[in-house]
Amino acid sequence: MRAIGEEAFDALSNGESVIEHPEAGEVVWRDDAGVTCRRWNWRQGRRTGLADETRAAFFILDVPAPVTDLELTAAADALAQALSALDSEVRVLRRLVDAP
């Protein structure tokens, strides 16, 4: 979705909480409480960011051309391996959604 420029984005700057506003027309992820992610996922908001206390997470791996399914699988394998190395109780589930 494209921002109108008035949406709140709860971020950190030099370790301090700040409210920023995306530029009008900027691509953002948002819900009714505000922007959760900016700049094509380069800026993650504090409300939906990962922390030491995180117990459930959802990762989306987009595959723009010319990335192949084999490269996607390798990236997903690497992510799953890195997450699994964090704790023996980590459980990784995967689902491939393909265009019709």
PDB file of N, CA and C in Angstrom:
ATOM      1  N   MET A   1       0.845  -1.152   0.000  1.00  0.00           N
ATOM      2  CA  MET A   1       0.000   0.000   0.000  1.00  0.00           C
ATOM      3  C   MET A   1       0.899   1.226   0.000  1.00  0.00           C
ATOM      4  N   ARG A   2       0.413   2.303  -0.519  1.00  0.00           N
ATOM      5  CA  ARG A   2       1.185   3.551  -0.549  1.00  0.00           C
ATOM      6  C   ARG A   2       0.701   4.484   0.563  1.00  0.00           C
ATOM      7  N   ALA A   3       1.655   5.058   1.258  1.00  0.00           N
ATOM      8  CA  ALA A   3       1.351   5.947   2.381  1.00  0.00           C
ATOM      9  C   ALA A   3       0.818   7.287   1.883  1.00  0.00           C
ATOM     10  N   ILE A   4       0.008   7.914   2.742  1.00  0.00           N
ATOM     11  CA  ILE A   4      -0.412   9.284   2.437  1.00  0.00           C
ATOM     12  C   ILE A   4       0.541  10.286   3.096  1.00  0.00           C
ATOM     13  N   GLY A   5       1.380   9.799   4.024  1.00  0.00           N
ATOM     14  CA  GLY A   5       2.387  10.641   4.661  1.00  0.00           C
ATOM     15  C   GLY A   5       2.054  11.068   6.070  1.00  0.00           C
ATOM     16  N   GLU A   6       0.871  10.717   6.554  1.00  0.00           N
ATOM     17  CA  GLU A   6       0.454  11.104   7.903  1.00  0.00           C
ATOM     18  C   GLU A   6       0.467   9.931   8.879  1.00  0.00           C
ATOM     19  N   GLU A   7       0.688   8.717   8.374  1.00  0.00           N
ATOM     20  CA  GLU A   7       0.660   7.522   9.209  1.00  0.00           C
ATOM     21  C   GLU A   7       1.820   7.535  10.210  1.00  0.00           C
ATOM     22  N   ALA A   8       1.565   6.988  11.404  1.00  0.00           N
ATOM     23  CA  ALA A   8       2.608   6.903  12.426  1.00  0.00           C
ATOM     24  C   ALA A   8       3.462   5.656  12.208  1.00  0.00           C
ATOM     25  N   PHE A   9       4.765   5.816  12.363  1.00  0.00           N
ATOM     26  CA  PHE A   9       5.713   4.708  12.299  1.00  0.00           C
ATOM     27  C   PHE A   9       6.578   4.780  13.550  1.00  0.00           C
ATOM     28  N   ASP A  10       6.379   3.836  14.473  1.00  0.00           N
ATOM     29  CA  ASP A  10       7.094   3.794  15.746  1.00  0.00           C
ATOM     30  C   ASP A  10       8.459   3.151  15.509  1.00  0.00           C
ATOM     31  N   ALA A  11       9.517   3.942  15.621  1.00  0.00           N
ATOM     32  CA  ALA A  11      10.861   3.466  15.302  1.00  0.00           C
ATOM     33  C   ALA A  11      11.828   3.790  16.437  1.00  0.00           C
ATOM     34  N   LEU A  12      13.059   3.336  16.291  1.00  0.00           N
ATOM     35  CA  LEU A  12      14.136   3.674  17.210  1.00  0.00           C
ATOM     36  C   LEU A  12      15.150   4.544  16.491  1.00  0.00           C
ATOM     37  N   SER A  13      15.653   5.551  17.177  1.00  0.00           N
ATOM     38  CA  SER A  13      16.720   6.390  16.652  1.00  0.00           C
ATOM     39  C   SER A  13      17.704   6.637  17.789  1.00  0.00           C
ATOM     40  N   ASN A  14      18.927   6.162  17.633  1.00  0.00           N
ATOM     41  CA  ASN A  14      19.940   6.271  18.694  1.00  0.00           C
ATOM     42  C   ASN A  14      19.438   5.684  20.010  1.00  0.00           C
ATOM     43  N   GLY A  15      18.711   4.567  19.930  1.00  0.00           N
ATOM     44  CA  GLY A  15      18.209   3.890  21.115  1.00  0.00           C
ATOM     45  C   GLY A  15      16.977   4.505  21.736  1.00  0.00           C
ATOM     46  N   GLU A  16      16.461   5.567  21.158  1.00  0.00           N
ATOM     47  CA  GLU A  16      15.280   6.252  21.688  1.00  0.00           C
ATOM     48  C   GLU A  16      14.078   6.017  20.782  1.00  0.00           C
ATOM     49  N   SER A  17      12.895   5.893  21.387  1.00  0.00           N
ATOM     50  CA  SER A  17      11.662   5.737  20.623  1.00  0.00           C
ATOM     51  C   SER A  17      11.302   7.055  19.943  1.00  0.00           C
ATOM     52  N   VAL A  18      11.004   6.990  18.655  1.00  0.00           N
ATOM     53  CA  VAL A  18      10.579   8.171  17.897  1.00  0.00           C
ATOM     54  C   VAL A  18       9.417   7.785  16.992  1.00  0.00           C
ATOM     55  N   ILE A  19       8.553   8.735  16.725  1.00  0.00           N
ATOM     56  CA  ILE A  19       7.479   8.532  15.764  1.00  0.00           C
ATOM     57  C   ILE A  19       7.872   9.250  14.486  1.00  0.00           C
ATOM     58  N   GLU A  20       7.969   8.485  13.406  1.00  0.00           N
ATOM     59  CA  GLU A  20       8.271   9.042  12.092  1.00  0.00           C
ATOM     60  C   GLU A  20       7.016   8.951  11.237  1.00  0.00           C
ATOM     61  N   HIS A  21       7.058   9.595  10.102  1.00  0.00           N
ATOM     62  CA  HIS A  21       5.962   9.525   9.141  1.00  0.00           C
ATOM     63  C   HIS A  21       6.563   9.226   7.770  1.00  0.00           C
ATOM     64  N   PRO A  22       6.036   8.217   7.071  1.00  0.00           N
ATOM     65  CA  PRO A  22       6.571   7.910   5.746  1.00  0.00           C
ATOM     66  C   PRO A  22       6.278   9.044   4.770  1.00  0.00           C
ATOM     67  N   GLU A  23       7.042   9.073   3.705  1.00  0.00           N
ATOM     68  CA  GLU A  23       6.799  10.057   2.658  1.00  0.00           C
ATOM     69  C   GLU A  23       5.513   9.698   1.915  1.00  0.00           C
ATOM     70  N   ALA A  24       4.790  10.687   1.462  1.00  0.00           N
ATOM     71  CA  ALA A  24       3.584  10.433   0.667  1.00  0.00           C
ATOM     72  C   ALA A  24       3.972   9.607  -0.556  1.00  0.00           C
ATOM     73  N   GLY A  25       3.241   8.526  -0.784  1.00  0.00           N
ATOM     74  CA  GLY A  25       3.505   7.654  -1.924  1.00  0.00           C
ATOM     75  C   GLY A  25       4.473   6.523  -1.637  1.00  0.00           C
ATOM     76  N   GLU A  26       5.126   6.550  -0.469  1.00  0.00           N
ATOM     77  CA  GLU A  26       6.070   5.490  -0.107  1.00  0.00           C
ATOM     78  C   GLU A  26       5.324   4.175   0.102  1.00  0.00           C
ATOM     79  N   VAL A  27       5.897   3.073  -0.341  1.00  0.00           N
ATOM     80  CA  VAL A  27       5.299   1.752  -0.141  1.00  0.00           C
ATOM     81  C   VAL A  27       5.516   1.338   1.312  1.00  0.00           C
ATOM     82  N   VAL A  28       4.430   0.964   1.991  1.00  0.00           N
ATOM     83  CA  VAL A  28       4.498   0.572   3.401  1.00  0.00           C
ATOM     84  C   VAL A  28       3.616  -0.644   3.654  1.00  0.00           C
ATOM     85  N   TRP A  29       3.911  -1.346   4.737  1.00  0.00           N
ATOM     86  CA  TRP A  29       2.993  -2.320   5.320  1.00  0.00           C
ATOM     87  C   TRP A  29       2.349  -1.576   6.470  1.00  0.00           C
ATOM     88  N   ARG A  30       1.046  -1.693   6.641  1.00  0.00           N
ATOM     89  CA  ARG A  30       0.385  -0.994   7.735  1.00  0.00           C
ATOM     90  C   ARG A  30      -0.879  -1.716   8.152  1.00  0.00           C
ATOM     91  N   ASP A  31      -1.358  -1.375   9.331  1.00  0.00           N
ATOM     92  CA  ASP A  31      -2.659  -1.819   9.799  1.00  0.00           C
ATOM     93  C   ASP A  31      -3.332  -0.602  10.422  1.00  0.00           C
ATOM     94  N   ASP A  32      -4.436  -0.816  11.128  1.00  0.00           N
ATOM     95  CA  ASP A  32      -5.169   0.317  11.694  1.00  0.00           C
ATOM     96  C   ASP A  32      -4.382   1.069  12.772  1.00  0.00           C
ATOM     97  N   ALA A  33      -3.382   0.421  13.366  1.00  0.00           N
ATOM     98  CA  ALA A  33      -2.595   1.067  14.418  1.00  0.00           C
ATOM     99  C   ALA A  33      -1.427   1.875  13.866  1.00  0.00           C
ATOM    100  N   GLY A  34      -1.105   1.700  12.605  1.00  0.00           N
ATOM    101  CA  GLY A  34      -0.011   2.471  12.012  1.00  0.00           C
ATOM    102  C   GLY A  34       0.847   1.638  11.084  1.00  0.00           C
ATOM    103  N   VAL A  35       1.928   2.239  10.644  1.00  0.00           N
ATOM    104  CA  VAL A  35       2.865   1.588   9.726  1.00  0.00           C
ATOM    105  C   VAL A  35       3.717   0.591  10.503  1.00  0.00           C
ATOM    106  N   THR A  36       3.857  -0.612   9.981  1.00  0.00           N
ATOM    107  CA  THR A  36       4.683  -1.633  10.623  1.00  0.00           C
ATOM    108  C   THR A  36       6.002  -1.850   9.900  1.00  0.00           C
ATOM    109  N   CYS A  37       6.079  -1.462   8.647  1.00  0.00           N
ATOM    110  CA  CYS A  37       7.292  -1.684   7.872  1.00  0.00           C
ATOM    111  C   CYS A  37       7.372  -0.668   6.742  1.00  0.00           C
ATOM    112  N   ARG A  38       8.570  -0.115   6.537  1.00  0.00           N
ATOM    113  CA  ARG A  38       8.762   0.909   5.508  1.00  0.00           C
ATOM    114  C   ARG A  38       9.843   0.497   4.518  1.00  0.00           C
ATOM    115  N   ARG A  39       9.841   1.204   3.391  1.00  0.00           N
ATOM    116  CA  ARG A  39      10.915   1.130   2.400  1.00  0.00           C
ATOM    117  C   ARG A  39      11.224  -0.295   1.962  1.00  0.00           C
ATOM    118  N   TRP A  40      10.168  -0.971   1.525  1.00  0.00           N
ATOM    119  CA  TRP A  40      10.312  -2.342   1.004  1.00  0.00           C
ATOM    120  C   TRP A  40      10.992  -3.247   2.019  1.00  0.00           C
ATOM    121  N   ASN A  41      10.606  -3.103   3.287  1.00  0.00           N
ATOM    122  CA  ASN A  41      11.064  -3.945   4.386  1.00  0.00           C
ATOM    123  C   ASN A  41      12.444  -3.573   4.909  1.00  0.00           C
ATOM    124  N   TRP A  42      12.958  -2.435   4.502  1.00  0.00           N
ATOM    125  CA  TRP A  42      14.257  -2.008   5.009  1.00  0.00           C
ATOM    126  C   TRP A  42      14.133  -1.465   6.428  1.00  0.00           C
ATOM    127  N   ARG A  43      12.993  -0.882   6.782  1.00  0.00           N
ATOM    128  CA  ARG A  43      12.770  -0.325   8.114  1.00  0.00           C
ATOM    129  C   ARG A  43      11.624  -1.060   8.784  1.00  0.00           C
ATOM    130  N   GLN A  44      11.903  -1.756   9.847  1.00  0.00           N
ATOM    131  CA  GLN A  44      10.894  -2.504  10.589  1.00  0.00           C
ATOM    132  C   GLN A  44      10.497  -1.708  11.819  1.00  0.00           C
ATOM    133  N   GLY A  45       9.200  -1.585  12.072  1.00  0.00           N
ATOM    134  CA  GLY A  45       8.718  -0.861  13.243  1.00  0.00           C
ATOM    135  C   GLY A  45       8.926  -1.650  14.526  1.00  0.00           C
ATOM    136  N   ARG A  46       8.995  -0.940  15.656  1.00  0.00           N
ATOM    137  CA  ARG A  46       9.222  -1.603  16.948  1.00  0.00           C
ATOM    138  C   ARG A  46       8.079  -2.537  17.324  1.00  0.00           C
ATOM    139  N   ARG A  47       6.845  -2.160  17.015  1.00  0.00           N
ATOM    140  CA  ARG A  47       5.685  -2.957  17.426  1.00  0.00           C
ATOM    141  C   ARG A  47       5.697  -4.354  16.825  1.00  0.00           C
ATOM    142  N   THR A  48       6.198  -4.497  15.611  1.00  0.00           N
ATOM    143  CA  THR A  48       6.184  -5.802  14.942  1.00  0.00           C
ATOM    144  C   THR A  48       7.587  -6.351  14.705  1.00  0.00           C
ATOM    145  N   GLY A  49       8.597  -5.701  15.258  1.00  0.00           N
ATOM    146  CA  GLY A  49       9.971  -6.172  15.093  1.00  0.00           C
ATOM    147  C   GLY A  49      10.254  -7.393  15.963  1.00  0.00           C
ATOM    148  N   LEU A  50      11.340  -8.076  15.668  1.00  0.00           N
ATOM    149  CA  LEU A  50      11.747  -9.237  16.448  1.00  0.00           C
ATOM    150  C   LEU A  50      12.583  -8.788  17.635  1.00  0.00           C
ATOM    151  N   ALA A  51      12.433  -9.485  18.763  1.00  0.00           N
ATOM    152  CA  ALA A  51      13.183  -9.186  19.977  1.00  0.00           C
ATOM    153  C   ALA A  51      13.533 -10.503  20.660  1.00  0.00           C
ATOM    154  N   ASP A  52      14.334 -10.434  21.706  1.00  0.00           N
ATOM    155  CA  ASP A  52      14.694 -11.650  22.440  1.00  0.00           C
ATOM    156  C   ASP A  52      13.462 -12.379  22.969  1.00  0.00           C
ATOM    157  N   GLU A  53      12.385 -11.638  23.217  1.00  0.00           N
ATOM    158  CA  GLU A  53      11.165 -12.233  23.764  1.00  0.00           C
ATOM    159  C   GLU A  53      10.263 -12.839  22.688  1.00  0.00           C
ATOM    160  N   THR A  54      10.591 -12.665  21.429  1.00  0.00           N
ATOM    161  CA  THR A  54       9.754 -13.159  20.331  1.00  0.00           C
ATOM    162  C   THR A  54       9.626 -14.675  20.416  1.00  0.00           C
ATOM    163  N   ARG A  55       8.405 -15.167  20.318  1.00  0.00           N
ATOM    164  CA  ARG A  55       8.144 -16.606  20.380  1.00  0.00           C
ATOM    165  C   ARG A  55       7.520 -17.144  19.100  1.00  0.00           C
ATOM    166  N   ALA A  56       7.065 -16.273  18.229  1.00  0.00           N
ATOM    167  CA  ALA A  56       6.497 -16.695  16.940  1.00  0.00           C
ATOM    168  C   ALA A  56       6.825 -15.620  15.918  1.00  0.00           C
ATOM    169  N   ALA A  57       7.239 -16.042  14.738  1.00  0.00           N
ATOM    170  CA  ALA A  57       7.603 -15.092  13.683  1.00  0.00           C
ATOM    171  C   ALA A  57       7.151 -15.641  12.340  1.00  0.00           C
ATOM    172  N   PHE A  58       6.941 -14.740  11.406  1.00  0.00           N
ATOM    173  CA  PHE A  58       6.488 -15.090  10.062  1.00  0.00           C
ATOM    174  C   PHE A  58       7.416 -14.394   9.081  1.00  0.00           C
ATOM    175  N   PHE A  59       8.083 -15.154   8.244  1.00  0.00           N
ATOM    176  CA  PHE A  59       9.012 -14.597   7.262  1.00  0.00           C
ATOM    177  C   PHE A  59       8.457 -14.816   5.863  1.00  0.00           C
ATOM    178  N   ILE A  60       8.507 -13.789   5.049  1.00  0.00           N
ATOM    179  CA  ILE A  60       8.095 -13.891   3.647  1.00  0.00           C
ATOM    180  C   ILE A  60       9.338 -13.736   2.791  1.00  0.00           C
ATOM    181  N   LEU A  61       9.571 -14.691   1.914  1.00  0.00           N
ATOM    182  CA  LEU A  61      10.680 -14.605   0.969  1.00  0.00           C
ATOM    183  C   LEU A  61      10.081 -14.390  -0.408  1.00  0.00           C
ATOM    184  N   ASP A  62      10.223 -13.189  -0.930  1.00  0.00           N
ATOM    185  CA  ASP A  62       9.732 -12.875  -2.270  1.00  0.00           C
ATOM    186  C   ASP A  62      10.757 -13.331  -3.297  1.00  0.00           C
ATOM    187  N   VAL A  63      10.281 -13.662  -4.477  1.00  0.00           N
ATOM    188  CA  VAL A  63      11.171 -14.177  -5.515  1.00  0.00           C
ATOM    189  C   VAL A  63      10.975 -13.402  -6.810  1.00  0.00           C
ATOM    190  N   PRO A  64      11.588 -12.225  -6.911  1.00  0.00           N
ATOM    191  CA  PRO A  64      11.499 -11.501  -8.182  1.00  0.00           C
ATOM    192  C   PRO A  64      12.418 -12.150  -9.216  1.00  0.00           C
ATOM    193  N   ALA A  65      12.026 -12.067 -10.472  1.00  0.00           N
ATOM    194  CA  ALA A  65      12.883 -12.591 -11.538  1.00  0.00           C
ATOM    195  C   ALA A  65      14.191 -11.822 -11.494  1.00  0.00           C
ATOM    196  N   PRO A  66      15.293 -12.439 -11.760  1.00  0.00           N
ATOM    197  CA  PRO A  66      15.529 -13.780 -12.286  1.00  0.00           C
ATOM    198  C   PRO A  66      15.820 -14.826 -11.218  1.00  0.00           C
ATOM    199  N   VAL A  67      15.422 -14.605  -9.953  1.00  0.00           N
ATOM    200  CA  VAL A  67      15.663 -15.590  -8.902  1.00  0.00           C
ATOM    201  C   VAL A  67      14.888 -16.866  -9.222  1.00  0.00           C
ATOM    202  N   THR A  68      15.558 -17.999  -9.076  1.00  0.00           N
ATOM    203  CA  THR A  68      14.943 -19.290  -9.402  1.00  0.00           C
ATOM    204  C   THR A  68      14.346 -19.936  -8.154  1.00  0.00           C
ATOM    205  N   ASP A  69      13.495 -20.932  -8.365  1.00  0.00           N
ATOM    206  CA  ASP A  69      12.942 -21.688  -7.240  1.00  0.00           C
ATOM    207  C   ASP A  69      14.052 -22.384  -6.458  1.00  0.00           C
ATOM    208  N   LEU A  70      15.096 -22.821  -7.148  1.00  0.00           N
ATOM    209  CA  LEU A  70      16.228 -23.464  -6.490  1.00  0.00           C
ATOM    210  C   LEU A  70      16.935 -22.476  -5.553  1.00  0.00           C
ATOM    211  N   GLU A  71      17.109 -21.239  -5.996  1.00  0.00           N
ATOM    212  CA  GLU A  71      17.724 -20.210  -5.150  1.00  0.00           C
ATOM    213  C   GLU A  71      16.816 -19.857  -3.973  1.00  0.00           C
ATOM    214  N   LEU A  72      15.510 -19.820  -4.213  1.00  0.00           N
ATOM    215  CA  LEU A  72      14.556 -19.575  -3.131  1.00  0.00           C
ATOM    216  C   LEU A  72      14.661 -20.673  -2.084  1.00  0.00           C
ATOM    217  N   THR A  73      14.688 -21.914  -2.531  1.00  0.00           N
ATOM    218  CA  THR A  73      14.797 -23.045  -1.611  1.00  0.00           C
ATOM    219  C   THR A  73      16.086 -22.963  -0.803  1.00  0.00           C
ATOM    220  N   ALA A  74      17.189 -22.595  -1.450  1.00  0.00           N
ATOM    221  CA  ALA A  74      18.467 -22.466  -0.745  1.00  0.00           C
ATOM    222  C   ALA A  74      18.397 -21.369   0.316  1.00  0.00           C
ATOM    223  N   ALA A  75      17.762 -20.252  -0.009  1.00  0.00           N
ATOM    224  CA  ALA A  75      17.618 -19.158   0.955  1.00  0.00           C
ATOM    225  C   ALA A  75      16.738 -19.589   2.131  1.00  0.00           C
ATOM    226  N   ALA A  76      15.640 -20.277   1.836  1.00  0.00           N
ATOM    227  CA  ALA A  76      14.744 -20.757   2.891  1.00  0.00           C
ATOM    228  C   ALA A  76      15.454 -21.779   3.772  1.00  0.00           C
ATOM    229  N   ASP A  77      16.248 -22.650   3.159  1.00  0.00           N
ATOM    230  CA  ASP A  77      17.023 -23.634   3.928  1.00  0.00           C
ATOM    231  C   ASP A  77      18.006 -22.935   4.865  1.00  0.00           C
ATOM    232  N   ALA A  78      18.690 -21.905   4.358  1.00  0.00           N
ATOM    233  CA  ALA A  78      19.666 -21.175   5.172  1.00  0.00           C
ATOM    234  C   ALA A  78      18.984 -20.466   6.343  1.00  0.00           C
ATOM    235  N   LEU A  79      17.824 -19.857   6.089  1.00  0.00           N
ATOM    236  CA  LEU A  79      17.083 -19.195   7.157  1.00  0.00           C
ATOM    237  C   LEU A  79      16.632 -20.212   8.197  1.00  0.00           C
ATOM    238  N   ALA A  80      16.072 -21.329   7.753  1.00  0.00           N
ATOM    239  CA  ALA A  80      15.605 -22.366   8.674  1.00  0.00           C
ATOM    240  C   ALA A  80      16.756 -22.907   9.517  1.00  0.00           C
ATOM    241  N   GLN A  81      17.909 -23.101   8.895  1.00  0.00           N
ATOM    242  CA  GLN A  81      19.077 -23.606   9.617  1.00  0.00           C
ATOM    243  C   GLN A  81      19.548 -22.591  10.663  1.00  0.00           C
ATOM    244  N   ALA A  82      19.592 -21.317  10.292  1.00  0.00           N
ATOM    245  CA  ALA A  82      20.024 -20.276  11.234  1.00  0.00           C
ATOM    246  C   ALA A  82      19.053 -20.162  12.408  1.00  0.00           C
ATOM    247  N   LEU A  83      17.764 -20.222  12.132  1.00  0.00           N
ATOM    248  CA  LEU A  83      16.771 -20.140  13.203  1.00  0.00           C
ATOM    249  C   LEU A  83      16.842 -21.361  14.108  1.00  0.00           C
ATOM    250  N   SER A  84      16.985 -22.538  13.516  1.00  0.00           N
ATOM    251  CA  SER A  84      17.047 -23.778  14.292  1.00  0.00           C
ATOM    252  C   SER A  84      18.278 -23.820  15.189  1.00  0.00           C
ATOM    253  N   ALA A  85      19.347 -23.152  14.783  1.00  0.00           N
ATOM    254  CA  ALA A  85      20.572 -23.123  15.583  1.00  0.00           C
ATOM    255  C   ALA A  85      20.408 -22.274  16.847  1.00  0.00           C
ATOM    256  N   LEU A  86      19.377 -21.457  16.911  1.00  0.00           N
ATOM    257  CA  LEU A  86      19.163 -20.586  18.068  1.00  0.00           C
ATOM    258  C   LEU A  86      18.730 -21.349  19.309  1.00  0.00           C
ATOM    259  N   ASP A  87      17.954 -22.416  19.103  1.00  0.00           N
ATOM    260  CA  ASP A  87      17.410 -23.153  20.236  1.00  0.00           C
ATOM    261  C   ASP A  87      16.893 -24.496  19.745  1.00  0.00           C
ATOM    262  N   SER A  88      17.031 -25.513  20.561  1.00  0.00           N
ATOM    263  CA  SER A  88      16.580 -26.852  20.160  1.00  0.00           C
ATOM    264  C   SER A  88      15.063 -26.946  20.040  1.00  0.00           C
ATOM    265  N   GLU A  89      14.329 -25.994  20.622  1.00  0.00           N
ATOM    266  CA  GLU A  89      12.870 -26.029  20.554  1.00  0.00           C
ATOM    267  C   GLU A  89      12.299 -25.222  19.391  1.00  0.00           C
ATOM    268  N   VAL A  90      13.164 -24.605  18.587  1.00  0.00           N
ATOM    269  CA  VAL A  90      12.679 -23.846  17.427  1.00  0.00           C
ATOM    270  C   VAL A  90      12.018 -24.808  16.451  1.00  0.00           C
ATOM    271  N   ARG A  91      10.842 -24.432  16.000  1.00  0.00           N
ATOM    272  CA  ARG A  91      10.107 -25.236  15.020  1.00  0.00           C
ATOM    273  C   ARG A  91       9.904 -24.378  13.781  1.00  0.00           C
ATOM    274  N   VAL A  92      10.300 -24.891  12.633  1.00  0.00           N
ATOM    275  CA  VAL A  92      10.197 -24.157  11.375  1.00  0.00           C
ATOM    276  C   VAL A  92       9.190 -24.860  10.474  1.00  0.00           C
ATOM    277  N   LEU A  93       8.201 -24.121  10.026  1.00  0.00           N
ATOM    278  CA  LEU A  93       7.221 -24.622   9.063  1.00  0.00           C
ATOM    279  C   LEU A  93       7.362 -23.802   7.799  1.00  0.00           C
ATOM    280  N   ARG A  94       7.211 -24.444   6.641  1.00  0.00           N
ATOM    281  CA  ARG A  94       7.371 -23.739   5.370  1.00  0.00           C
ATOM    282  C   ARG A  94       6.200 -24.035   4.456  1.00  0.00           C
ATOM    283  N   ARG A  95       5.896 -23.035   3.649  1.00  0.00           N
ATOM    284  CA  ARG A  95       4.836 -23.190   2.648  1.00  0.00           C
ATOM    285  C   ARG A  95       5.239 -22.391   1.420  1.00  0.00           C
ATOM    286  N   LEU A  96       5.171 -23.019   0.268  1.00  0.00           N
ATOM    287  CA  LEU A  96       5.481 -22.350  -0.988  1.00  0.00           C
ATOM    288  C   LEU A  96       4.176 -21.957  -1.660  1.00  0.00           C
ATOM    289  N   VAL A  97       4.017 -20.680  -1.907  1.00  0.00           N
ATOM    290  CA  VAL A  97       2.843 -20.172  -2.610  1.00  0.00           C
ATOM    291  C   VAL A  97       3.327 -19.700  -3.966  1.00  0.00           C
ATOM    292  N   ASP A  98       2.790 -20.275  -5.015  1.00  0.00           N
ATOM    293  CA  ASP A  98       3.235 -19.972  -6.370  1.00  0.00           C
ATOM    294  C   ASP A  98       2.116 -19.279  -7.136  1.00  0.00           C
ATOM    295  N   ALA A  99       2.499 -18.490  -8.102  1.00  0.00           N
ATOM    296  CA  ALA A  99       1.509 -17.825  -8.956  1.00  0.00           C
ATOM    297  C   ALA A  99       0.799 -18.864  -9.811  1.00  0.00           C
ATOM    298  N   PRO A 100      -0.474 -18.629 -10.106  1.00  0.00           N
ATOM    299  CA  PRO A 100      -1.216 -19.597 -10.929  1.00  0.00           C
ATOM    300  C   PRO A 100      -0.698 -19.641 -12.354  1.00  0.00           C
TER     301      PRO A 100
END
